[in-house]
């Protein structure tokens, strides 16, 4: 049944929040036949991940989704059927007033941040009483069958496999980014937060036994990278440092970012959206979780690692945990680093097996639609 969805997104962490909500909105329209309005408070951030969007347009239809500016004067003059409050964003008072006054209660969902912590299984789908007799339901994305799962388009893995089997298509894509893959080199993508310990990690890569090309989209890590390189870094001008060749590449669309992940032998990613897509790439990865006060993020990181490394043999599991914790604590890389995960075949086979494990679960959009089907009130 086609319903009207209103998804609210406040852009807090650059592109992670809008990245997730934009993927969700597109999938609800394309695969589930839903009508979606996506309310965004930073259209310039949206336009960066969706080049066909107009950052100056207060209302525009993009790929079947009605994208609207979330402004201080926001008003909705039609009843709200399904309301998705992404990542606990604070809804405008005018919207909460509409919800209380409309004759039919909406299906109100608080879409939470992704987590691997065990407690979310007990909170997933729970109602939270609101003013006016309304209920808001918690919906937790996650990595187990007792959570809301992850965003995954129906044909995602088929498209990935086709692309990864086509070396010519990969080289054409890389060429558009200004990168020529050199024979015998490994490709590493680097899209991460600032890291005070970046220099020793790169120093170790410089001594790797195999040359590497480091592909770096324009992002927050660039100042740290420039300081290490000791010279300006520009797009289209690769810079070699012993075994590393650094390529600064454009900030790309979501579709092209998937292609980048699919090309690389190792993906260093951050936040939520790129982290999820790196898992679907089926390649070894290193995750920079969003830093929080008092190192609260480290517990969340370890909770994910408990899931992710459960099927790895102990030596590889211990090495992976040490590697991820050192990166996220801005510590010196464990010995030996040199992108050592790429020399151990169990890392790649594990990345593929983890992807297949997640693929056996229902995706987030499908679970949301099923939840709404059982909780939304029918139109009179």
Protein backbone atom coordinates (compact mmCIF):
# COMPACT_ATOMS: atom_id res chain seq x y z
CA UNK A 1 0.00 0.00 0.00
CA UNK A 2 1.38 3.39 -1.00
CA UNK A 3 1.54 5.85 1.89
CA UNK A 4 2.89 9.35 2.39
CA UNK A 5 6.16 9.44 4.32
CA UNK A 6 7.73 12.59 5.79
CA UNK A 7 11.39 12.08 6.71
CA UNK A 8 13.15 14.81 8.69
CA UNK A 9 16.93 15.09 8.55
CA UNK A 10 19.09 17.59 10.40
CA UNK A 11 22.60 17.55 8.95
CA UNK A 12 24.92 17.24 11.95
CA UNK A 13 27.90 15.15 10.86
CA UNK A 14 28.61 16.55 7.41
CA UNK A 15 27.17 13.85 5.13
CA UNK A 16 26.36 10.80 7.25
CA UNK A 17 22.87 11.86 8.32
CA UNK A 18 21.76 13.06 4.91
CA UNK A 19 23.49 10.10 3.27
CA UNK A 20 21.43 7.58 5.20
CA UNK A 21 18.10 9.41 4.87
CA UNK A 22 18.58 10.06 1.15
CA UNK A 23 19.29 6.38 0.50
CA UNK A 24 16.25 5.42 2.57
CA UNK A 25 13.96 7.87 0.77
CA UNK A 26 15.08 6.65 -2.66
CA UNK A 27 14.60 3.01 -1.73
CA UNK A 28 11.12 3.59 -0.30
CA UNK A 29 10.08 5.18 -3.60
CA UNK A 30 11.90 2.91 -6.05
CA UNK A 31 11.36 -0.49 -4.41
CA UNK A 32 8.27 -0.06 -2.24
CA UNK A 33 6.17 2.40 -4.23
CA UNK A 34 5.88 4.88 -1.36
CA UNK A 35 5.47 8.66 -1.58
CA UNK A 36 8.25 10.46 0.27
CA UNK A 37 8.98 14.03 1.30
CA UNK A 38 12.51 14.46 2.60
CA UNK A 39 12.92 17.55 4.79
CA UNK A 40 16.55 18.72 4.96
CA UNK A 41 18.00 21.67 6.87
CA UNK A 42 21.21 21.85 4.79
CA UNK A 43 20.53 21.61 1.07
CA UNK A 44 24.14 22.38 0.18
CA UNK A 45 25.24 19.16 1.92
CA UNK A 46 22.51 17.28 0.07
CA UNK A 47 23.65 18.68 -3.28
CA UNK A 48 27.18 17.40 -2.70
CA UNK A 49 26.05 13.78 -2.50
CA UNK A 50 23.35 14.27 -5.15
CA UNK A 51 24.79 16.38 -8.00
CA UNK A 52 21.44 16.63 -9.83
CA UNK A 53 19.93 18.53 -6.88
CA UNK A 54 19.61 22.33 -6.78
CA UNK A 55 20.83 23.66 -3.43
CA UNK A 56 18.82 26.87 -3.91
CA UNK A 57 15.45 25.17 -4.54
CA UNK A 58 13.20 25.02 -1.51
CA UNK A 59 11.13 22.22 -3.11
CA UNK A 60 12.29 19.88 -5.85
CA UNK A 61 11.63 16.35 -7.02
CA UNK A 62 14.76 14.24 -7.34
CA UNK A 63 14.54 10.59 -8.42
CA UNK A 64 10.91 10.47 -7.36
CA UNK A 65 11.53 11.97 -3.90
CA UNK A 66 10.14 15.41 -3.04
CA UNK A 67 13.06 17.15 -1.32
CA UNK A 68 12.03 20.16 0.77
CA UNK A 69 13.97 22.75 2.71
CA UNK A 70 13.52 22.45 6.46
CA UNK A 71 13.38 26.11 7.45
CA UNK A 72 12.35 28.01 10.57
CA UNK A 73 9.00 28.79 8.94
CA UNK A 74 8.27 25.19 7.93
CA UNK A 75 4.57 24.39 7.72
CA UNK A 76 2.75 21.28 6.47
CA UNK A 77 -0.89 21.84 5.58
CA UNK A 78 -1.82 18.20 4.92
CA UNK A 79 -2.18 15.36 7.44
CA UNK A 80 0.99 13.39 8.15
CA UNK A 81 0.67 9.63 7.66
CA UNK A 82 4.18 8.36 8.40
CA UNK A 83 6.72 10.57 10.14
CA UNK A 84 10.36 9.49 10.40
CA UNK A 85 12.43 11.56 12.80
CA UNK A 86 15.98 10.65 11.76
CA UNK A 87 18.62 10.36 14.46
CA UNK A 88 16.58 12.08 17.20
CA UNK A 89 16.51 15.40 15.36
CA UNK A 90 14.36 18.02 17.08
CA UNK A 91 11.15 18.47 15.11
CA UNK A 92 9.80 22.00 14.63
CA UNK A 93 7.15 22.95 17.18
CA UNK A 94 4.76 23.63 14.30
CA UNK A 95 5.00 19.99 13.19
CA UNK A 96 4.40 18.59 16.65
CA UNK A 97 1.34 20.84 16.88
CA UNK A 98 0.03 19.46 13.58
CA UNK A 99 0.54 15.91 14.84
CA UNK A 100 -1.52 16.54 17.97
CA UNK A 101 -4.32 18.31 16.12
CA UNK A 102 -4.87 16.06 13.12
CA UNK A 103 -7.83 13.66 13.52
CA UNK A 104 -5.81 10.55 12.66
CA UNK A 105 -2.70 9.75 14.66
CA UNK A 106 0.43 9.36 12.51
CA UNK A 107 2.83 6.45 12.63
CA UNK A 108 5.72 8.29 14.26
CA UNK A 109 9.15 6.64 14.08
CA UNK A 110 12.40 7.71 15.69
CA UNK A 111 15.06 6.22 13.39
CA UNK A 112 18.09 5.83 15.63
CA UNK A 113 21.80 5.73 14.87
CA UNK A 114 23.30 2.39 13.92
CA UNK A 115 24.70 0.40 16.83
CA UNK A 116 26.06 -3.04 17.58
CA UNK A 117 25.34 -2.80 21.30
CA UNK A 118 23.22 -5.61 22.71
CA UNK A 119 20.75 -3.38 24.56
CA UNK A 120 19.22 -2.03 21.34
CA UNK A 121 17.53 -5.39 20.70
CA UNK A 122 15.35 -4.81 23.76
CA UNK A 123 14.47 -1.24 22.75
CA UNK A 124 13.88 -1.81 19.04
CA UNK A 125 10.23 -1.10 18.09
CA UNK A 126 9.31 0.06 21.62
CA UNK A 127 6.78 2.92 21.87
CA UNK A 128 7.51 6.15 23.71
CA UNK A 129 4.43 8.08 24.91
CA UNK A 130 4.25 11.67 23.66
CA UNK A 131 2.07 14.67 24.46
CA UNK A 132 -1.47 14.52 23.16
CA UNK A 133 -1.77 10.76 23.50
CA UNK A 134 0.62 10.04 20.63
CA UNK A 135 3.30 7.35 20.53
CA UNK A 136 6.72 7.51 18.93
CA UNK A 137 8.42 4.20 18.13
CA UNK A 138 12.14 3.57 18.41
CA UNK A 139 13.63 1.88 15.35
CA UNK A 140 17.23 0.71 15.63
CA UNK A 141 19.32 -0.28 12.61
CA UNK A 142 21.72 -3.04 13.54
CA UNK A 143 23.54 -6.24 12.71
CA UNK A 144 21.25 -8.94 14.11
CA UNK A 145 17.82 -10.29 13.27
CA UNK A 146 16.35 -8.60 16.36
CA UNK A 147 17.19 -5.14 15.00
CA UNK A 148 16.08 -3.09 12.00
CA UNK A 149 18.94 -4.27 9.77
CA UNK A 150 20.89 -2.12 7.30
CA UNK A 151 19.99 -0.19 4.19
CA UNK A 152 20.53 -2.40 1.15
CA UNK A 153 18.97 -2.00 -2.28
CA UNK A 154 17.57 -5.20 -3.78
CA UNK A 155 20.14 -5.35 -6.59
CA UNK A 156 23.13 -3.94 -4.68
CA UNK A 157 25.26 -7.06 -4.43
CA UNK A 158 24.51 -8.07 -8.00
CA UNK A 159 25.70 -4.67 -9.21
CA UNK A 160 28.77 -4.94 -7.02
CA UNK A 161 29.71 -8.38 -8.32
CA UNK A 162 29.26 -7.30 -11.93
CA UNK A 163 31.47 -4.25 -11.40
CA UNK A 164 34.17 -6.09 -9.46
CA UNK A 165 34.38 -8.71 -12.22
CA UNK A 166 34.86 -6.03 -14.92
CA UNK A 167 38.40 -4.64 -14.75
CA UNK A 168 37.78 -2.39 -17.75
CA UNK A 169 34.75 -0.77 -16.09
CA UNK A 170 36.82 -0.20 -12.95
CA UNK A 171 39.67 1.41 -14.87
CA UNK A 172 37.25 3.66 -16.76
CA UNK A 173 35.69 4.76 -13.48
CA UNK A 174 39.09 5.45 -11.91
CA UNK A 175 40.12 7.40 -15.00
CA UNK A 176 37.15 9.73 -14.49
CA UNK A 177 38.56 10.46 -11.04
CA UNK A 178 41.97 11.21 -12.52
CA UNK A 179 43.51 7.93 -11.34
CA UNK A 180 45.43 5.45 -13.46
CA UNK A 181 45.83 2.13 -11.67
CA UNK A 182 49.46 1.07 -11.76
CA UNK A 183 50.33 -2.62 -12.32
CA UNK A 184 51.11 -4.48 -9.11
CA UNK A 185 49.76 -1.77 -6.79
CA UNK A 186 47.04 -1.97 -4.19
CA UNK A 187 44.29 0.61 -3.93
CA UNK A 188 43.30 2.09 -0.57
CA UNK A 189 40.47 4.58 -0.10
CA UNK A 190 40.77 7.05 2.78
CA UNK A 191 37.61 8.87 3.89
CA UNK A 192 37.92 9.58 7.57
CA UNK A 193 37.85 12.12 10.37
CA UNK A 194 40.88 14.03 11.55
CA UNK A 195 43.50 11.80 13.15
CA UNK A 196 46.45 13.19 15.09
CA UNK A 197 48.32 9.91 14.63
CA UNK A 198 47.97 9.78 10.84
CA UNK A 199 51.69 10.43 10.23
CA UNK A 200 53.10 7.20 11.74
CA UNK A 201 50.44 5.15 9.98
CA UNK A 202 51.47 6.62 6.64
CA UNK A 203 55.16 6.28 7.51
CA UNK A 204 54.59 2.56 7.98
CA UNK A 205 52.83 2.31 4.62
CA UNK A 206 55.81 3.96 2.97
CA UNK A 207 57.84 0.89 3.89
CA UNK A 208 55.25 -1.64 2.72
CA UNK A 209 56.58 -4.46 0.51
CA UNK A 210 54.04 -3.62 -2.21
CA UNK A 211 53.31 -0.17 -3.68
CA UNK A 212 49.97 1.42 -2.88
CA UNK A 213 47.79 4.13 -4.35
CA UNK A 214 45.94 6.10 -1.69
CA UNK A 215 42.67 7.55 -3.03
CA UNK A 216 41.45 10.43 -0.87
CA UNK A 217 38.14 12.22 -1.51
CA UNK A 218 38.10 15.85 -0.43
CA UNK A 219 37.30 15.58 3.28
CA UNK A 220 38.31 16.51 6.82
CA UNK A 221 41.48 14.39 6.78
CA UNK A 222 43.16 16.55 4.11
CA UNK A 223 44.90 19.03 6.46
CA UNK A 224 46.49 16.14 8.39
CA UNK A 225 47.54 14.56 5.11
CA UNK A 226 49.08 17.80 3.81
CA UNK A 227 51.05 18.26 7.03
CA UNK A 228 52.46 14.76 6.66
CA UNK A 229 53.28 15.22 2.97
CA UNK A 230 55.00 18.55 3.61
CA UNK A 231 53.59 19.99 0.39
CA UNK A 232 50.20 20.99 -1.04
CA UNK A 233 48.06 18.16 -2.40
CA UNK A 234 45.91 18.88 -5.44
CA UNK A 235 43.45 16.95 -7.54
CA UNK A 236 44.98 15.59 -10.72
CA UNK A 237 48.52 15.82 -9.33
CA UNK A 238 49.47 12.53 -7.67
CA UNK A 239 52.29 12.75 -5.17
CA UNK A 240 54.64 9.85 -4.43
CA UNK A 241 56.18 9.09 -1.06
CA UNK A 242 58.24 5.93 -1.46
CA UNK A 243 55.66 3.10 -1.63
CA UNK A 244 52.63 5.42 -1.47
CA UNK A 245 51.18 7.42 -4.33
CA UNK A 246 48.57 9.89 -3.04
CA UNK A 247 45.64 10.87 -5.25
CA UNK A 248 43.24 13.60 -4.15
CA UNK A 249 39.95 12.86 -5.88
CA UNK A 250 36.68 14.79 -6.09
CA UNK A 251 33.92 14.39 -3.55
CA UNK A 252 31.67 12.01 -5.46
CA UNK A 253 28.00 11.04 -5.59
CA UNK A 254 26.74 8.12 -3.53
CA UNK A 255 26.69 5.86 -6.58
CA UNK A 256 30.27 6.71 -7.46
CA UNK A 257 31.37 6.27 -3.86
CA UNK A 258 30.06 2.71 -4.03
CA UNK A 259 32.16 2.20 -7.15
CA UNK A 260 35.22 3.57 -5.35
CA UNK A 261 34.75 1.13 -2.47
CA UNK A 262 34.27 -1.74 -4.91
CA UNK A 263 37.56 -0.91 -6.66
CA UNK A 264 39.75 -0.78 -3.57
CA UNK A 265 41.62 -3.50 -1.71
CA UNK A 266 41.18 -1.70 1.63
CA UNK A 267 38.61 0.94 2.58
CA UNK A 268 39.21 3.29 5.50
CA UNK A 269 35.82 4.82 6.25
CA UNK A 270 34.04 6.92 8.84
CA UNK A 271 30.69 7.64 10.45
CA UNK A 272 27.66 5.61 9.40
CA UNK A 273 26.82 5.79 5.70
CA UNK A 274 30.30 5.04 4.32
CA UNK A 275 30.75 2.40 7.04
CA UNK A 276 27.63 0.54 5.91
CA UNK A 277 28.59 0.76 2.25
CA UNK A 278 32.09 -0.54 2.99
CA UNK A 279 30.55 -3.67 4.49
CA UNK A 280 28.51 -4.24 1.33
CA UNK A 281 31.70 -3.84 -0.72
CA UNK A 282 32.93 -7.14 0.70
CA UNK A 283 36.49 -5.85 1.08
CA UNK A 284 38.72 -5.41 4.15
CA UNK A 285 37.96 -2.17 5.96
CA UNK A 286 39.02 0.06 8.84
CA UNK A 287 36.29 2.11 10.51
CA UNK A 288 36.74 5.51 12.15
CA UNK A 289 33.70 5.79 14.41
CA UNK A 290 32.32 9.25 15.20
CA UNK A 291 34.27 10.48 18.26
CA UNK A 292 32.30 11.19 21.45
CA UNK A 293 33.14 12.75 24.81
CA UNK A 294 34.79 10.56 27.44
CA UNK A 295 35.54 7.92 24.79
CA UNK A 296 31.93 6.72 24.76
CA UNK A 297 32.44 5.74 21.13
CA UNK A 298 35.05 3.12 22.02
CA UNK A 299 32.45 0.94 23.75
CA UNK A 300 30.29 1.18 20.63
CA UNK A 301 33.26 0.30 18.45
CA UNK A 302 34.05 -2.77 20.54
CA UNK A 303 30.40 -3.83 20.47
CA UNK A 304 30.54 -3.90 16.68
CA UNK A 305 33.86 -5.74 16.70
CA UNK A 306 32.31 -8.43 18.89
CA UNK A 307 29.93 -9.13 15.99
CA UNK A 308 32.33 -8.51 13.13
CA UNK A 309 35.29 -10.60 14.25
CA UNK A 310 33.35 -13.49 15.77
CA UNK A 311 34.13 -15.83 12.85
CA UNK A 312 37.76 -14.80 12.38
CA UNK A 313 40.53 -17.13 13.62
CA UNK A 314 42.00 -15.79 16.90
CA UNK A 315 45.26 -14.34 15.52
CA UNK A 316 43.45 -12.40 12.79
CA UNK A 317 40.67 -11.35 15.19
CA UNK A 318 43.18 -10.02 17.72
CA UNK A 319 45.09 -8.17 15.01
CA UNK A 320 41.92 -6.59 13.66
CA UNK A 321 40.79 -5.39 17.09
CA UNK A 322 44.23 -3.94 17.86
CA UNK A 323 44.29 -2.17 14.52
CA UNK A 324 40.84 -0.62 14.83
CA UNK A 325 41.32 0.46 18.45
CA UNK A 326 44.69 2.06 17.73
CA UNK A 327 43.27 4.05 14.80
CA UNK A 328 40.28 5.26 16.81
CA UNK A 329 42.40 6.19 19.82
CA UNK A 330 44.88 8.09 17.61
CA UNK A 331 47.66 5.77 18.76
CA UNK A 332 50.69 4.42 16.95
CA UNK A 333 49.84 1.59 14.55
CA UNK A 334 50.38 -1.93 15.90
CA UNK A 335 53.36 -3.86 14.59
CA UNK A 336 53.42 -4.79 11.83
CA UNK A 337 50.96 -2.47 10.08
CA UNK A 338 51.93 -1.90 6.42
CA UNK A 339 48.27 -2.67 5.56
CA UNK A 340 49.05 -6.18 6.80
CA UNK A 341 45.41 -7.22 6.51
CA UNK A 342 45.89 -7.29 2.75
CA UNK A 343 48.53 -10.02 3.05
CA UNK A 344 46.27 -12.35 5.02
CA UNK A 345 43.69 -14.10 2.79
CA UNK A 346 41.41 -14.63 5.80
CA UNK A 347 40.71 -10.87 5.91
CA UNK A 348 39.21 -10.84 2.42
CA UNK A 349 37.30 -14.10 2.84
CA UNK A 350 35.97 -12.82 6.16
CA UNK A 351 34.81 -9.54 4.60
CA UNK A 352 32.85 -11.49 1.98
CA UNK A 353 31.41 -13.89 4.56
CA UNK A 354 30.33 -10.99 6.80
CA UNK A 355 28.60 -9.36 3.85
CA UNK A 356 26.71 -12.56 3.07
CA UNK A 357 25.74 -12.90 6.73
CA UNK A 358 24.20 -9.42 6.67
CA UNK A 359 22.56 -10.09 3.32
CA UNK A 360 20.58 -12.96 4.86
CA UNK A 361 18.73 -10.45 7.04
CA UNK A 362 15.87 -8.19 5.96
CA UNK A 363 17.04 -4.72 4.95
CA UNK A 364 16.08 -1.57 6.85
CA UNK A 365 13.65 -0.13 4.29
CA UNK A 366 11.76 -3.42 4.00
CA UNK A 367 11.52 -3.68 7.78
CA UNK A 368 10.25 -0.11 8.09
CA UNK A 369 7.52 -0.72 5.50
CA UNK A 370 6.46 -3.92 7.26
CA UNK A 371 6.36 -2.11 10.60
CA UNK A 372 4.24 0.69 9.16
CA UNK A 373 1.85 -1.83 7.61
CA UNK A 374 1.04 -3.14 11.08
CA UNK A 375 1.09 0.15 13.01
CA UNK A 376 -0.27 2.86 10.71
CA UNK A 377 -3.95 3.69 10.97
CA UNK A 378 -5.91 3.16 7.74
CA UNK A 379 -7.27 6.22 5.99
CA UNK A 380 -11.04 6.64 6.45
